[in-house]
Amino acid sequence: MLLDLSLVQEEYIEDCEVCCNPIQIIFTTADQELLEFRAENIEQ
C-alpha cells in the first residue's frame, strides 16, 4: 500500500488484497512523516 505523505489527513476505503473485503484506511501526517495509521474492517 502506498500512502501520499503530502496530504495532512486522509480517509478512504480500499479492498483488501488478500480477501477482497473493504477496509477503511485512515492516516495523518506532519512534515511528510506518518504520525498515525489505522486500517479498520468495514462490516458488510
C-alpha atoms as a PDB file:
ATOM      1  CA  MET A   1       0.000   0.000   0.000  1.00  0.00           C
ATOM      2  CA  LEU A   2       1.298   3.428  -0.925  1.00  0.00           C
ATOM      3  CA  LEU A   3       0.364   6.500   1.093  1.00  0.00           C
ATOM      4  CA  ASP A   4       0.590  10.068  -0.163  1.00  0.00           C
ATOM      5  CA  LEU A   5       2.500  11.750   2.675  1.00  0.00           C
ATOM      6  CA  SER A   6       1.992  15.193   1.136  1.00  0.00           C
ATOM      7  CA  LEU A   7      -1.585  15.022   2.484  1.00  0.00           C
ATOM      8  CA  VAL A   8      -2.075  16.088   6.102  1.00  0.00           C
ATOM      9  CA  GLN A   9      -5.000  13.742   6.688  1.00  0.00           C
ATOM     10  CA  GLU A  10      -6.691  11.146   4.509  1.00  0.00           C
ATOM     11  CA  GLU A  11      -9.532   8.658   4.895  1.00  0.00           C
ATOM     12  CA  TYR A  12     -10.660   6.250   2.179  1.00  0.00           C
ATOM     13  CA  ILE A  13     -11.938   2.724   1.563  1.00  0.00           C
ATOM     14  CA  GLU A  14      -9.821   0.138  -0.256  1.00  0.00           C
ATOM     15  CA  ASP A  15     -10.376  -3.560  -0.935  1.00  0.00           C
ATOM     16  CA  CYS A  16      -8.061  -5.961   0.901  1.00  0.00           C
ATOM     17  CA  GLU A  17      -5.532  -7.531  -1.483  1.00  0.00           C
ATOM     18  CA  VAL A  18      -5.934 -10.921   0.233  1.00  0.00           C
ATOM     19  CA  CYS A  19      -9.649 -11.353   0.987  1.00  0.00           C
ATOM     20  CA  CYS A  20     -11.183  -8.524  -1.134  1.00  0.00           C
ATOM     21  CA  ASN A  21     -13.221  -7.213   1.825  1.00  0.00           C
ATOM     22  CA  PRO A  22     -13.401  -3.414   2.168  1.00  0.00           C
ATOM     23  CA  ILE A  23     -11.030  -1.743   4.635  1.00  0.00           C
ATOM     24  CA  GLN A  24     -11.225   1.854   5.808  1.00  0.00           C
ATOM     25  CA  ILE A  25      -7.761   3.450   5.718  1.00  0.00           C
ATOM     26  CA  ILE A  26      -7.165   6.487   7.936  1.00  0.00           C
ATOM     27  CA  PHE A  27      -3.850   8.284   8.350  1.00  0.00           C
ATOM     28  CA  THR A  28      -2.387  11.609   9.419  1.00  0.00           C
ATOM     29  CA  THR A  29       1.000  13.121   8.637  1.00  0.00           C
ATOM     30  CA  ALA A  30       3.202  16.061   9.568  1.00  0.00           C
ATOM     31  CA  ASP A  31       6.178  17.272   7.555  1.00  0.00           C
ATOM     32  CA  GLN A  32       5.690  14.252   5.257  1.00  0.00           C
ATOM     33  CA  GLU A  33       6.149  11.796   8.153  1.00  0.00           C
ATOM     34  CA  LEU A  34       3.457   9.325   9.142  1.00  0.00           C
ATOM     35  CA  LEU A  35       2.020  10.141  12.586  1.00  0.00           C
ATOM     36  CA  GLU A  36      -0.986   7.826  12.743  1.00  0.00           C
ATOM     37  CA  PHE A  37      -2.237   4.906  10.645  1.00  0.00           C
ATOM     38  CA  ARG A  38      -5.395   2.841  11.110  1.00  0.00           C
ATOM     39  CA  ALA A  39      -6.919   0.145   8.943  1.00  0.00           C
ATOM     40  CA  GLU A  40     -10.392  -0.879  10.035  1.00  0.00           C
ATOM     41  CA  ASN A  41     -12.619  -3.671   8.748  1.00  0.00           C
ATOM     42  CA  ILE A  42     -15.880  -2.417   7.222  1.00  0.00           C
ATOM     43  CA  GLU A  43     -18.783  -4.604   8.333  1.00  0.00           C
ATOM     44  CA  GLN A  44     -20.958  -5.798   5.474  1.00  0.00           C
END
